[in-house]
Amino acid sequence: MSKITRRRPLLPMDKKLAVCFLAWLEKAGIETISTDMRTAQVVLLRNAPVPVWDLLERHVSVKDYWHTPRGMGVHRDALRWLIFSAEASRPRPQNVGDSIPDDKPFIPFSEQVQKELKKKKKPDTPEPPPVDPKLIWKVCTEIDLQSSTQNKCGTSSRPTSSLEERQRILKLIQDKRERVLPAVLPEYLAQITALKNRFPHFESVITWVCRSLRLNMRLGQPLKLPAFCLNGPPGTGKTYFLRELAGILKMHLVFRSMAEMSASFVLTGSNSVWRDSGPGLVARCLAEMPNGVAPLFVLDELDKSQGGNYRVDTCLLGLLESSSALNFTDEFLNVGFDVRPFSWAFTCNDLGNVREEIKSRLTILDVGLPGPEHMPEIVRSVDLAVRSAQPGFSDLFEPLGDEVVDCLTAMATRDLKTILNDTYAIELERAPDSSLIKITPDSIAAAMTSRAKQSHKRPLGFVS
């Protein structure tokens, strides 16, 4: 049964007022206002006669008045009822009825005004979906940036390059002061689970990653991993796995080796009193990272962190603690940042060399050496990475056969990439004109023999 709607009765309007109202409507300007929610056509009220003002004040709601760059106006839809009433009340020819037929289309304005509307009408574009407040990341406040930019105390002795770098970093951060973090997508979980085929000995790590991301997805939280450390012997593929994980999650990856970091100011920035001072890696990441992506810091070889007065792992205590990460301060910029959305991943070979206070802030995930049953998949995974890094490899070489894969399963995983590269280079030298080169077990043996000869060469130096 169809719903019956009642038409609002027309407003009895004086004929002179109806003529005055319609005459003003024909000459009134139209302003198109675009907001976050919609696009509205607004009839400007400037040059409106006093009777029209009185009419609008009595019959138009306050919410339908709009402020525009060209003055105050009334939303076009709010005038529909008044236009019907004025059209019905104005003087008409004798053969024209006093009421508007039901089947007559509604013409809100005169032809001149309609032409103006068509010129100014914008094409209908779908409105972007509203951003979930949980995904909004306020990196810092504008007051902090302004005070840091305006603070010139003690800058006279700084080199010009240092000042320019300071202004550049601050400008980049200020332009992206408020960002949108990505959400966890279901396809991420499927792609990460598929990594078990390429990293079969990482099964427990992959299960933990999927559980963490699935929890964030159910809670509507942005993409972020709890701070964790992959602990295991060298050659297990920890660093390679983290790079693949960052690629699947489309995260902004910052990779550094703890053994190569001389002091904590590499991460936190050095004080501006030093001549060679500069911002730290955290501030540079905030400045250079595009909007809409999540940051991932990978710090390799945590157990090889250097000691001294400025230990690198000391600054990690604050970065890994949520309460202090809310207001992390770069010493060079003197600005507080909210770095809680950062994901931190570490690798380690000997957990005994890591400070207890650091381990208490991390989820330790053990990674063992791959077993014999895992090696065929790992060999094919490494070969896929070698071919992906060199476009055109698949057009030159046939896929590896099972007999070639069996020859490589006895090798250490960290040597596979080097042996495969040497094998491809040797076979290309042997058959430069072949359209599609086949790799054989003899090819692997030749590459291993060549590598063994190079490793036994007498080192250069003085003879004692």
Protein backbone atom coordinates (compact mmCIF):
# COMPACT_ATOMS: atom_id res chain seq x y z
CA MET A 1 0.00 0.00 0.00
CA SER A 2 1.51 3.29 -1.12
CA LYS A 3 2.12 6.03 1.40
CA ILE A 4 -0.16 9.07 1.01
CA THR A 5 1.62 12.42 1.37
CA ARG A 6 -0.24 15.66 1.88
CA ARG A 7 0.83 18.76 0.03
CA ARG A 8 1.52 21.78 2.19
CA PRO A 9 -1.25 24.34 1.56
CA LEU A 10 -0.17 27.41 -0.39
CA LEU A 11 0.42 30.63 1.47
CA PRO A 12 -2.19 33.29 0.73
CA MET A 13 -0.07 36.11 -0.65
CA ASP A 14 -0.95 39.61 -1.73
CA LYS A 15 -0.65 40.06 -5.51
CA LYS A 16 1.70 43.03 -5.16
CA LEU A 17 3.89 41.04 -2.76
CA ALA A 18 3.90 38.06 -5.13
CA VAL A 19 4.99 40.25 -8.05
CA CYS A 20 7.65 41.94 -5.89
CA PHE A 21 8.97 38.58 -4.65
CA LEU A 22 9.19 37.01 -8.13
CA ALA A 23 10.77 40.15 -9.59
CA TRP A 24 13.47 40.11 -6.92
CA LEU A 25 14.02 36.38 -7.49
CA GLU A 26 14.72 36.93 -11.18
CA LYS A 27 17.41 39.53 -10.45
CA ALA A 28 18.91 37.87 -7.37
CA GLY A 29 22.40 36.43 -7.69
CA ILE A 30 23.19 32.77 -7.15
CA GLU A 31 26.16 31.50 -5.15
CA THR A 32 27.32 27.87 -5.15
CA ILE A 33 28.64 26.80 -1.74
CA SER A 34 30.61 23.56 -1.37
CA THR A 35 31.01 22.03 2.08
CA ASP A 36 32.35 18.73 3.33
CA MET A 37 28.85 17.29 3.31
CA ARG A 38 27.17 18.73 0.18
CA THR A 39 27.01 21.40 -2.51
CA ALA A 40 24.24 24.00 -2.12
CA GLN A 41 22.72 26.67 -4.37
CA VAL A 42 22.18 29.86 -2.33
CA VAL A 43 20.03 32.82 -3.44
CA LEU A 44 21.74 36.03 -2.35
CA LEU A 45 19.70 38.50 -0.30
CA ARG A 46 21.47 41.68 -1.30
CA ASN A 47 19.22 44.26 -3.00
CA ALA A 48 16.16 42.47 -1.60
CA PRO A 49 13.28 44.94 -0.97
CA VAL A 50 11.82 45.36 2.49
CA PRO A 51 8.63 43.34 1.78
CA VAL A 52 10.73 40.39 0.68
CA TRP A 53 12.82 40.60 3.85
CA ASP A 54 9.65 40.58 5.96
CA LEU A 55 8.30 37.61 4.01
CA LEU A 56 11.47 35.57 4.46
CA GLU A 57 11.76 36.45 8.13
CA ARG A 58 8.26 35.06 8.81
CA HIS A 59 8.41 31.88 6.71
CA VAL A 60 12.07 30.80 6.36
CA SER A 61 13.87 28.93 9.13
CA VAL A 62 17.13 30.31 10.52
CA LYS A 63 19.00 27.15 9.54
CA ASP A 64 18.29 27.89 5.86
CA TYR A 65 20.26 31.16 5.92
CA TRP A 66 23.84 30.82 4.63
CA HIS A 67 26.85 33.08 4.84
CA THR A 68 28.69 33.28 1.50
CA PRO A 69 31.71 35.26 0.28
CA ARG A 70 29.26 37.55 -1.54
CA GLY A 71 26.93 38.09 1.39
CA MET A 72 24.07 36.36 3.15
CA GLY A 73 21.71 34.13 1.22
CA VAL A 74 18.89 31.63 1.51
CA HIS A 75 19.09 28.01 0.47
CA ARG A 76 17.25 27.49 -2.80
CA ASP A 77 15.20 24.55 -1.54
CA ALA A 78 13.82 26.66 1.30
CA LEU A 79 12.14 28.98 -1.24
CA ARG A 80 10.20 26.29 -3.10
CA TRP A 81 7.00 26.73 -1.06
CA LEU A 82 7.16 30.53 -1.34
CA ILE A 83 7.68 30.29 -5.11
CA PHE A 84 4.62 28.04 -5.47
CA SER A 85 2.58 30.47 -3.41
CA ALA A 86 3.80 33.53 -5.32
CA GLU A 87 3.17 31.85 -8.69
CA ALA A 88 -0.38 31.03 -7.60
CA SER A 89 -1.04 34.54 -6.24
CA ARG A 90 0.35 36.77 -9.00
CA PRO A 91 -1.98 38.16 -11.69
CA ARG A 92 -2.45 35.76 -14.63
CA PRO A 93 -4.15 35.82 -18.03
CA GLN A 94 -7.89 34.99 -18.05
CA ASN A 95 -7.50 31.44 -19.39
CA VAL A 96 -4.92 30.44 -16.81
CA GLY A 97 -6.11 28.76 -13.63
CA ASP A 98 -5.39 30.11 -10.18
CA SER A 99 -3.54 26.99 -9.07
CA ILE A 100 -0.61 25.06 -10.43
CA PRO A 101 -1.61 21.72 -12.02
CA ASP A 102 -0.25 18.67 -10.26
CA ASP A 103 1.45 17.37 -13.40
CA LYS A 104 3.24 20.66 -14.15
CA PRO A 105 6.98 20.37 -13.49
CA PHE A 106 8.35 22.65 -10.81
CA ILE A 107 10.33 25.57 -12.29
CA PRO A 108 12.04 27.29 -9.38
CA PHE A 109 13.51 30.31 -11.16
CA SER A 110 13.16 32.28 -14.34
CA GLU A 111 14.95 31.19 -17.51
CA GLN A 112 17.71 33.73 -16.94
CA VAL A 113 18.40 32.43 -13.43
CA GLN A 114 18.29 28.83 -14.65
CA LYS A 115 20.94 29.61 -17.27
CA GLU A 116 23.11 31.12 -14.58
CA LEU A 117 22.68 28.04 -12.44
CA LYS A 118 23.70 25.75 -15.31
CA LYS A 119 26.88 27.77 -15.82
CA LYS A 120 27.84 27.57 -12.15
CA LYS A 121 26.67 24.04 -11.47
CA LYS A 122 29.51 21.72 -10.62
CA PRO A 123 29.56 18.13 -11.81
CA ASP A 124 28.26 15.68 -9.25
CA THR A 125 31.19 13.97 -7.55
CA PRO A 126 30.83 11.26 -4.94
CA GLU A 127 31.43 12.53 -1.46
CA PRO A 128 34.47 10.97 0.22
CA PRO A 129 33.56 8.74 3.14
CA PRO A 130 34.08 10.32 6.55
CA VAL A 131 37.38 9.51 8.24
CA ASP A 132 37.18 7.38 11.35
CA PRO A 133 38.47 9.51 14.26
CA LYS A 134 40.51 6.50 15.41
CA LEU A 135 42.60 6.76 12.23
CA ILE A 136 43.50 10.45 12.66
CA TRP A 137 47.07 11.01 13.86
CA LYS A 138 47.89 14.42 15.32
CA VAL A 139 51.67 14.43 15.05
CA CYS A 140 52.12 17.67 16.98
CA THR A 141 50.42 20.95 17.73
CA GLU A 142 50.84 24.09 15.70
CA ILE A 143 51.94 26.02 18.78
CA ASP A 144 54.96 23.75 19.23
CA LEU A 145 56.04 24.21 15.64
CA GLN A 146 55.59 27.97 15.70
CA SER A 147 57.55 28.35 18.92
CA SER A 148 60.33 26.14 17.57
CA THR A 149 60.47 28.04 14.29
CA GLN A 150 60.46 31.42 16.00
CA ASN A 151 63.05 30.40 18.60
CA LYS A 152 66.29 31.91 17.33
CA CYS A 153 68.24 31.77 20.56
CA GLY A 154 71.69 30.40 20.12
CA THR A 155 71.42 29.96 16.36
CA SER A 156 73.99 32.56 15.36
CA SER A 157 76.85 30.06 15.49
CA ARG A 158 75.07 27.41 13.45
CA PRO A 159 76.13 26.81 9.86
CA THR A 160 73.73 28.01 7.20
CA SER A 161 73.19 24.45 5.98
CA SER A 162 72.11 23.37 9.47
CA LEU A 163 69.57 26.21 9.72
CA GLU A 164 68.21 25.44 6.26
CA GLU A 165 67.81 21.77 7.16
CA ARG A 166 65.99 22.76 10.34
CA GLN A 167 63.55 24.96 8.45
CA ARG A 168 63.01 22.30 5.79
CA ILE A 169 62.17 19.59 8.30
CA LEU A 170 59.88 21.88 10.28
CA LYS A 171 58.06 23.01 7.15
CA LEU A 172 57.47 19.44 5.98
CA ILE A 173 56.12 18.40 9.38
CA GLN A 174 53.94 21.49 9.69
CA ASP A 175 52.32 20.80 6.32
CA LYS A 176 51.41 17.28 7.49
CA ARG A 177 50.69 18.06 11.11
CA GLU A 178 47.48 15.98 11.08
CA ARG A 179 47.52 12.73 9.14
CA VAL A 180 45.31 9.76 8.40
CA LEU A 181 46.66 6.33 9.27
CA PRO A 182 45.67 3.29 7.18
CA ALA A 183 43.35 0.65 8.51
CA VAL A 184 44.06 -3.08 8.50
CA LEU A 185 42.63 -4.62 5.34
CA PRO A 186 41.48 -8.26 5.15
CA GLU A 187 43.72 -8.89 2.14
CA TYR A 188 46.75 -8.10 4.31
CA LEU A 189 46.00 -11.11 6.49
CA ALA A 190 45.65 -13.39 3.47
CA GLN A 191 48.94 -12.19 1.95
CA ILE A 192 50.82 -12.53 5.23
CA THR A 193 49.46 -16.04 5.75
CA ALA A 194 50.72 -16.92 2.27
CA LEU A 195 54.25 -16.09 3.45
CA LYS A 196 54.28 -19.49 5.19
CA ASN A 197 55.00 -21.02 1.78
CA ARG A 198 58.13 -18.90 1.37
CA PHE A 199 59.15 -18.79 5.04
CA PRO A 200 57.99 -22.12 6.46
CA HIS A 201 60.23 -21.78 9.54
CA PHE A 202 58.51 -18.44 10.37
CA GLU A 203 55.13 -20.06 10.99
CA SER A 204 54.89 -18.99 14.64
CA VAL A 205 55.96 -15.43 13.76
CA ILE A 206 53.39 -15.19 10.97
CA THR A 207 50.66 -16.49 13.30
CA TRP A 208 51.53 -13.82 15.89
CA VAL A 209 51.52 -11.03 13.27
CA CYS A 210 48.12 -12.11 11.93
CA ARG A 211 46.63 -12.23 15.44
CA SER A 212 47.87 -8.72 16.23
CA LEU A 213 46.54 -7.27 12.98
CA ARG A 214 43.22 -9.11 13.27
CA LEU A 215 42.70 -7.59 16.73
CA ASN A 216 43.36 -4.08 15.36
CA MET A 217 40.94 -4.71 12.50
CA ARG A 218 38.14 -5.85 14.83
CA LEU A 219 38.68 -2.84 17.13
CA GLY A 220 38.88 -0.37 14.23
CA GLN A 221 42.40 0.63 15.22
CA PRO A 222 44.97 1.82 12.64
CA LEU A 223 47.66 -0.40 11.17
CA LYS A 224 50.30 -0.95 13.84
CA LEU A 225 52.34 -3.86 15.16
CA PRO A 226 53.38 -4.22 18.80
CA ALA A 227 57.12 -3.84 19.33
CA PHE A 228 58.77 -7.21 18.73
CA CYS A 229 62.16 -8.82 18.22
CA LEU A 230 63.05 -11.74 15.96
CA ASN A 231 65.64 -13.78 17.84
CA GLY A 232 67.60 -16.48 16.05
CA PRO A 233 70.95 -17.52 14.58
CA PRO A 234 72.41 -15.75 11.54
CA GLY A 235 71.24 -16.81 8.12
CA THR A 236 67.62 -17.54 9.00
CA GLY A 237 66.20 -14.72 6.87
CA LYS A 238 64.98 -12.42 9.65
CA THR A 239 65.82 -9.17 7.87
CA TYR A 240 64.49 -10.44 4.54
CA PHE A 241 61.22 -11.46 6.19
CA LEU A 242 60.75 -8.00 7.74
CA ARG A 243 61.29 -6.31 4.38
CA GLU A 244 58.70 -8.58 2.79
CA LEU A 245 56.28 -7.87 5.64
CA ALA A 246 56.68 -4.11 5.22
CA GLY A 247 56.01 -4.45 1.50
CA ILE A 248 52.77 -6.37 2.03
CA LEU A 249 51.50 -3.87 4.61
CA LYS A 250 52.61 -0.90 2.44
CA MET A 251 54.41 0.61 5.42
CA HIS A 252 57.05 3.34 5.30
CA LEU A 253 60.18 1.34 6.13
CA VAL A 254 63.18 2.83 7.94
CA PHE A 255 66.01 0.28 8.24
CA ARG A 256 69.16 0.74 10.31
CA SER A 257 71.76 -1.55 11.84
CA MET A 258 72.34 -1.03 15.56
CA ALA A 259 75.99 -2.01 15.07
CA GLU A 260 76.49 1.01 12.77
CA MET A 261 74.73 3.57 14.98
CA SER A 262 77.32 5.45 16.99
CA ALA A 263 75.08 7.16 19.56
CA SER A 264 71.49 7.80 20.59
CA PHE A 265 71.32 11.16 18.77
CA VAL A 266 71.13 9.22 15.48
CA LEU A 267 67.52 8.49 16.47
CA THR A 268 66.66 11.45 18.70
CA GLY A 269 68.64 14.28 17.08
CA SER A 270 71.62 16.14 18.47
CA ASN A 271 71.45 19.28 20.54
CA SER A 272 71.64 22.50 18.56
CA VAL A 273 74.69 23.69 20.53
CA TRP A 274 76.85 21.23 18.57
CA ARG A 275 78.23 22.44 15.30
CA ASP A 276 77.37 19.28 13.33
CA SER A 277 73.94 18.90 14.92
CA GLY A 278 70.92 17.70 12.97
CA PRO A 279 67.51 16.06 13.36
CA GLY A 280 67.24 12.38 14.20
CA LEU A 281 65.82 9.51 12.18
CA VAL A 282 62.46 9.73 13.92
CA ALA A 283 61.94 13.39 12.94
CA ARG A 284 63.20 12.76 9.40
CA CYS A 285 60.73 9.90 9.08
CA LEU A 286 57.87 12.17 10.14
CA ALA A 287 58.97 14.80 7.61
CA GLU A 288 59.51 12.52 4.62
CA MET A 289 56.80 9.92 5.19
CA PRO A 290 53.75 10.42 2.93
CA ASN A 291 50.28 10.77 4.38
CA GLY A 292 48.12 7.67 4.55
CA VAL A 293 50.89 5.17 5.38
CA ALA A 294 52.09 3.72 8.66
CA PRO A 295 55.78 3.88 9.73
CA LEU A 296 57.86 0.80 10.50
CA PHE A 297 61.31 1.08 12.09
CA VAL A 298 63.49 -2.01 11.67
CA LEU A 299 66.64 -1.96 13.81
CA ASP A 300 68.92 -4.85 12.91
CA GLU A 301 71.29 -6.64 15.32
CA LEU A 302 69.95 -5.29 18.60
CA ASP A 303 72.49 -7.35 20.52
CA LYS A 304 75.36 -5.42 18.86
CA SER A 305 74.28 -2.02 20.16
CA GLN A 306 77.28 0.10 21.06
CA GLY A 307 77.86 1.25 24.63
CA GLY A 308 79.44 4.44 25.94
CA ASN A 309 77.98 7.65 27.29
CA TYR A 310 75.34 7.89 24.56
CA ARG A 311 74.04 4.35 24.25
CA VAL A 312 71.65 3.86 21.36
CA ASP A 313 69.42 1.46 23.25
CA THR A 314 68.88 3.99 26.04
CA CYS A 315 66.69 6.23 23.87
CA LEU A 316 64.62 3.16 22.96
CA LEU A 317 63.30 3.00 26.51
CA GLY A 318 61.19 6.10 25.91
CA LEU A 319 60.27 5.31 22.31
CA LEU A 320 58.94 1.87 23.25
CA GLU A 321 56.90 3.16 26.19
CA SER A 322 53.48 4.47 25.15
CA SER A 323 53.26 7.19 27.82
CA SER A 324 56.62 8.75 26.89
CA ALA A 325 56.17 8.19 23.14
CA LEU A 326 53.15 10.51 23.34
CA ASN A 327 55.54 13.45 23.71
CA PHE A 328 58.83 12.43 22.13
CA THR A 329 61.14 15.43 21.69
CA ASP A 330 63.76 15.74 18.98
CA GLU A 331 66.68 17.59 20.56
CA PHE A 332 67.64 19.43 17.38
CA LEU A 333 64.13 20.67 16.53
CA ASN A 334 63.02 21.10 20.15
CA VAL A 335 59.53 19.94 19.18
CA GLY A 336 57.37 17.31 20.85
CA PHE A 337 55.88 14.60 18.61
CA ASP A 338 53.37 11.84 19.15
CA VAL A 339 55.18 8.73 17.88
CA ARG A 340 52.85 6.14 19.36
CA PRO A 341 51.71 5.00 15.85
CA PHE A 342 55.28 3.88 15.07
CA SER A 343 55.83 0.13 14.73
CA TRP A 344 59.19 -1.13 16.00
CA ALA A 345 60.82 -4.39 14.88
CA PHE A 346 64.23 -5.69 15.92
CA THR A 347 66.45 -8.62 15.00
CA CYS A 348 68.85 -10.33 17.35
CA ASN A 349 71.32 -13.22 17.25
CA ASP A 350 72.08 -13.48 20.97
CA LEU A 351 69.35 -12.37 23.33
CA GLY A 352 71.74 -12.58 26.27
CA ASN A 353 73.48 -9.38 25.09
CA VAL A 354 70.26 -7.33 25.20
CA ARG A 355 69.43 -5.24 28.27
CA GLU A 356 66.63 -6.59 30.44
CA GLU A 357 64.72 -3.29 30.39
CA ILE A 358 64.66 -3.44 26.59
CA LYS A 359 63.53 -7.08 26.50
CA SER A 360 60.67 -6.29 28.90
CA ARG A 361 59.25 -3.86 26.34
CA LEU A 362 59.39 -6.32 23.42
CA THR A 363 57.60 -9.45 22.32
CA ILE A 364 60.39 -11.97 21.73
CA LEU A 365 59.74 -14.29 18.77
CA ASP A 366 62.23 -17.12 18.28
CA VAL A 367 63.21 -18.12 14.76
CA GLY A 368 65.12 -21.37 14.26
CA LEU A 369 67.15 -22.65 11.36
CA PRO A 370 65.04 -24.16 8.59
CA GLY A 371 64.86 -27.93 8.53
CA PRO A 372 65.52 -30.13 5.49
CA GLU A 373 61.80 -30.23 4.75
CA HIS A 374 61.75 -26.41 4.53
CA MET A 375 64.72 -25.93 2.21
CA PRO A 376 63.06 -26.58 -1.20
CA GLU A 377 60.52 -23.83 -0.57
CA ILE A 378 63.22 -21.49 0.71
CA VAL A 379 65.40 -22.10 -2.35
CA ARG A 380 62.52 -21.27 -4.67
CA SER A 381 61.69 -18.20 -2.57
CA VAL A 382 65.26 -16.88 -2.81
CA ASP A 383 65.32 -17.59 -6.54
CA LEU A 384 62.07 -15.67 -6.94
CA ALA A 385 63.64 -12.70 -5.12
CA VAL A 386 66.71 -12.82 -7.38
CA ARG A 387 64.56 -12.86 -10.51
CA SER A 388 62.31 -10.07 -9.21
CA ALA A 389 65.32 -7.86 -8.48
CA GLN A 390 66.55 -8.24 -12.08
CA PRO A 391 63.77 -7.56 -14.60
CA GLY A 392 64.10 -9.82 -17.60
CA PHE A 393 65.66 -12.78 -15.77
CA SER A 394 62.63 -14.94 -16.42
CA ASP A 395 62.94 -14.20 -20.15
CA LEU A 396 66.54 -15.44 -20.19
CA PHE A 397 66.44 -18.47 -17.89
CA GLU A 398 64.09 -21.38 -17.46
CA PRO A 399 62.57 -22.04 -14.02
CA LEU A 400 64.76 -24.07 -11.71
CA GLY A 401 64.20 -27.81 -11.98
CA ASP A 402 63.80 -30.14 -9.02
CA GLU A 403 67.30 -31.56 -9.47
CA VAL A 404 68.80 -28.06 -9.24
CA VAL A 405 66.75 -27.26 -6.15
CA ASP A 406 67.97 -30.48 -4.52
CA CYS A 407 71.58 -29.38 -5.10
CA LEU A 408 70.96 -26.11 -3.31
CA THR A 409 69.10 -27.47 -0.26
CA ALA A 410 72.35 -28.40 1.50
CA MET A 411 73.66 -24.84 1.40
CA ALA A 412 73.30 -22.16 4.06
CA THR A 413 70.37 -19.87 3.38
CA ARG A 414 72.50 -16.72 3.50
CA ASP A 415 74.72 -18.08 0.65
CA LEU A 416 71.86 -19.00 -1.68
CA LYS A 417 71.47 -15.57 -3.24
CA THR A 418 75.18 -15.25 -4.04
CA ILE A 419 75.39 -18.73 -5.55
CA LEU A 420 72.31 -18.16 -7.69
CA ASN A 421 73.66 -14.84 -9.00
CA ASP A 422 77.02 -16.49 -9.85
CA THR A 423 75.23 -19.39 -11.54
CA TYR A 424 73.17 -17.13 -13.77
CA ALA A 425 76.24 -15.07 -14.71
CA ILE A 426 78.31 -18.17 -15.60
CA GLU A 427 75.57 -19.74 -17.71
CA LEU A 428 74.94 -16.47 -19.53
CA GLU A 429 78.66 -16.32 -20.37
CA ARG A 430 78.62 -19.90 -21.63
CA ALA A 431 75.56 -19.47 -23.86
CA PRO A 432 75.24 -15.77 -24.70
CA ASP A 433 73.08 -16.31 -27.79
CA SER A 434 70.60 -18.80 -26.36
CA SER A 435 67.02 -17.63 -26.24
CA LEU A 436 66.18 -19.53 -23.03
CA ILE A 437 68.98 -20.86 -20.83
CA LYS A 438 68.52 -23.92 -18.67
CA ILE A 439 70.23 -24.17 -15.29
CA THR A 440 71.62 -27.61 -14.48
CA PRO A 441 73.36 -29.16 -11.46
CA ASP A 442 76.65 -28.68 -13.34
CA SER A 443 75.89 -24.95 -13.40
CA ILE A 444 75.57 -24.92 -9.61
CA ALA A 445 78.81 -26.90 -9.24
CA ALA A 446 80.67 -24.45 -11.49
CA ALA A 447 79.44 -21.49 -9.43
CA MET A 448 80.44 -23.14 -6.15
CA THR A 449 83.91 -24.01 -7.55
CA SER A 450 84.44 -20.44 -8.71
CA ARG A 451 83.41 -19.09 -5.32
CA ALA A 452 85.70 -21.52 -3.50
CA LYS A 453 88.69 -20.39 -5.59
CA GLN A 454 87.99 -16.75 -4.82
CA SER A 455 87.72 -17.41 -1.09
CA HIS A 456 91.13 -19.20 -1.07
CA LYS A 457 92.98 -16.42 -2.84
CA ARG A 458 95.95 -15.05 -0.90
CA PRO A 459 94.99 -11.74 0.72
CA LEU A 460 96.78 -8.59 -0.34
CA GLY A 461 99.23 -7.00 2.12
CA PHE A 462 102.82 -6.91 3.27
CA VAL A 463 104.68 -10.16 3.82
CA SER A 464 106.35 -10.30 7.20
